[in-house]
Amino acid sequence: MYSGPSDPKLRAHLCVWTSDNDGKSWAAPKTVWEGPAAYSDLVRTISSAGVAGIGILYENGDATFADRISFSFLPASWVGGV
């Protein structure tokens, strides 16, 4: 699993890519944030409701990629299993 801006030159459109063969090929990316975004980090986690998934901590904003730091929970069903 990898997260990062799908447009690194503009630092925008934060996506998550998954691979089930050690990175030899990648599934189509799924968008986490449409606007400006930069550094991110992924962690396997469980929601307060007991749902398995991925937590993503990332820089993002409306005007620049560094306006704020956000956290989102991505359920395993959204990312295609965990």
C-alpha atoms as a PDB file:
ATOM      1  CA  MET A   1       0.000   0.000   0.000  1.00  0.00           C
ATOM      2  CA  TYR A   2       1.245   3.458  -0.904  1.00  0.00           C
ATOM      3  CA  SER A   3      -0.199   6.941  -0.372  1.00  0.00           C
ATOM      4  CA  GLY A   4       0.814  10.195  -1.982  1.00  0.00           C
ATOM      5  CA  PRO A   5      -0.254  12.949  -4.351  1.00  0.00           C
ATOM      6  CA  SER A   6      -1.148  11.579  -7.779  1.00  0.00           C
ATOM      7  CA  ASP A   7       0.128  14.915  -9.111  1.00  0.00           C
ATOM      8  CA  PRO A   8       3.434  15.315  -7.252  1.00  0.00           C
ATOM      9  CA  LYS A   9       4.437  18.413  -9.253  1.00  0.00           C
ATOM     10  CA  LEU A  10       1.370  20.323  -7.992  1.00  0.00           C
ATOM     11  CA  ARG A  11       1.270  18.410  -4.687  1.00  0.00           C
ATOM     12  CA  ALA A  12      -2.409  17.669  -5.136  1.00  0.00           C
ATOM     13  CA  HIS A  13      -4.951  14.853  -5.397  1.00  0.00           C
ATOM     14  CA  LEU A  14      -3.927  12.532  -2.542  1.00  0.00           C
ATOM     15  CA  CYS A  15      -4.515   8.876  -3.437  1.00  0.00           C
ATOM     16  CA  VAL A  16      -3.943   5.391  -2.046  1.00  0.00           C
ATOM     17  CA  TRP A  17      -2.619   2.587  -4.241  1.00  0.00           C
ATOM     18  CA  THR A  18      -2.710  -1.101  -3.282  1.00  0.00           C
ATOM     19  CA  SER A  19      -0.702  -4.052  -4.542  1.00  0.00           C
ATOM     20  CA  ASP A  20      -1.247  -7.736  -3.839  1.00  0.00           C
ATOM     21  CA  ASN A  21       2.042  -8.890  -5.428  1.00  0.00           C
ATOM     22  CA  ASP A  22       4.754  -6.960  -3.561  1.00  0.00           C
ATOM     23  CA  GLY A  23       4.565  -3.915  -5.828  1.00  0.00           C
ATOM     24  CA  LYS A  24       4.956  -5.642  -9.190  1.00  0.00           C
ATOM     25  CA  SER A  25       1.601  -4.151 -10.202  1.00  0.00           C
ATOM     26  CA  TRP A  26      -0.820  -1.708  -8.597  1.00  0.00           C
ATOM     27  CA  ALA A  27      -4.596  -1.381  -8.524  1.00  0.00           C
ATOM     28  CA  ALA A  28      -6.126   1.871  -9.735  1.00  0.00           C
ATOM     29  CA  PRO A  29      -5.658   4.596  -7.101  1.00  0.00           C
ATOM     30  CA  LYS A  30      -8.460   5.651  -4.795  1.00  0.00           C
ATOM     31  CA  THR A  31      -8.775   9.331  -3.930  1.00  0.00           C
ATOM     32  CA  VAL A  32      -8.561  10.454  -0.310  1.00  0.00           C
ATOM     33  CA  TRP A  33      -8.368  14.235  -0.913  1.00  0.00           C
ATOM     34  CA  GLU A  34      -8.938  16.134  -4.185  1.00  0.00           C
ATOM     35  CA  GLY A  35      -7.175  19.383  -3.319  1.00  0.00           C
ATOM     36  CA  PRO A  36      -3.634  20.306  -2.323  1.00  0.00           C
ATOM     37  CA  ALA A  37      -1.889  17.533  -0.364  1.00  0.00           C
ATOM     38  CA  ALA A  38       1.634  16.400   0.433  1.00  0.00           C
ATOM     39  CA  TYR A  39       3.207  14.062   2.969  1.00  0.00           C
ATOM     40  CA  SER A  40       1.161  11.174   4.316  1.00  0.00           C
ATOM     41  CA  ASP A  41       1.539   8.087   6.484  1.00  0.00           C
ATOM     42  CA  LEU A  42      -0.522   4.886   6.626  1.00  0.00           C
ATOM     43  CA  VAL A  43      -1.212   2.562   9.551  1.00  0.00           C
ATOM     44  CA  ARG A  44      -3.371  -0.508  10.003  1.00  0.00           C
ATOM     45  CA  THR A  45      -6.015   0.219  12.624  1.00  0.00           C
ATOM     46  CA  ILE A  46      -9.480  -0.605  13.925  1.00  0.00           C
ATOM     47  CA  SER A  47     -12.222   2.010  14.244  1.00  0.00           C
ATOM     48  CA  SER A  48     -14.056   2.664  17.503  1.00  0.00           C
ATOM     49  CA  ALA A  49     -16.910   0.589  16.014  1.00  0.00           C
ATOM     50  CA  GLY A  50     -14.558  -2.389  15.590  1.00  0.00           C
ATOM     51  CA  VAL A  51     -14.143  -2.076  11.808  1.00  0.00           C
ATOM     52  CA  ALA A  52     -10.695  -3.012  10.427  1.00  0.00           C
ATOM     53  CA  GLY A  53      -9.087  -0.555   8.064  1.00  0.00           C
ATOM     54  CA  ILE A  54      -6.300   1.883   7.368  1.00  0.00           C
ATOM     55  CA  GLY A  55      -5.637   5.175   9.104  1.00  0.00           C
ATOM     56  CA  ILE A  56      -4.054   7.900   7.003  1.00  0.00           C
ATOM     57  CA  LEU A  57      -2.453  11.033   8.438  1.00  0.00           C
ATOM     58  CA  TYR A  58      -1.772  13.653   5.762  1.00  0.00           C
ATOM     59  CA  GLU A  59      -0.981  17.271   4.997  1.00  0.00           C
ATOM     60  CA  ASN A  60      -3.766  18.972   3.065  1.00  0.00           C
ATOM     61  CA  GLY A  61      -5.650  22.187   2.620  1.00  0.00           C
ATOM     62  CA  ASP A  62      -7.878  24.373   0.526  1.00  0.00           C
ATOM     63  CA  ALA A  63      -5.240  26.920  -0.531  1.00  0.00           C
ATOM     64  CA  THR A  64      -1.949  25.034   0.025  1.00  0.00           C
ATOM     65  CA  PHE A  65      -0.871  21.511   0.898  1.00  0.00           C
ATOM     66  CA  ALA A  66       0.340  22.693   4.314  1.00  0.00           C
ATOM     67  CA  ASP A  67      -2.829  24.377   5.640  1.00  0.00           C
ATOM     68  CA  ARG A  68      -3.525  21.555   8.085  1.00  0.00           C
ATOM     69  CA  ILE A  69      -2.829  17.966   9.043  1.00  0.00           C
ATOM     70  CA  SER A  70      -5.818  15.612   8.802  1.00  0.00           C
ATOM     71  CA  PHE A  71      -6.571  12.039   9.774  1.00  0.00           C
ATOM     72  CA  SER A  72      -9.008   9.795   7.935  1.00  0.00           C
ATOM     73  CA  PHE A  73     -10.104   6.240   8.553  1.00  0.00           C
ATOM     74  CA  LEU A  74     -10.389   4.119   5.402  1.00  0.00           C
ATOM     75  CA  PRO A  75     -12.409   0.928   5.966  1.00  0.00           C
ATOM     76  CA  ALA A  76     -10.876  -2.282   4.608  1.00  0.00           C
ATOM     77  CA  SER A  77     -13.825  -2.555   2.205  1.00  0.00           C
ATOM     78  CA  TRP A  78     -12.889   0.840   0.709  1.00  0.00           C
ATOM     79  CA  VAL A  79      -9.228  -0.012   0.152  1.00  0.00           C
ATOM     80  CA  GLY A  80      -9.928  -3.534  -1.080  1.00  0.00           C
ATOM     81  CA  GLY A  81      -9.076  -5.561   2.001  1.00  0.00           C
ATOM     82  CA  VAL A  82      -6.338  -5.148   4.569  1.00  0.00           C
END
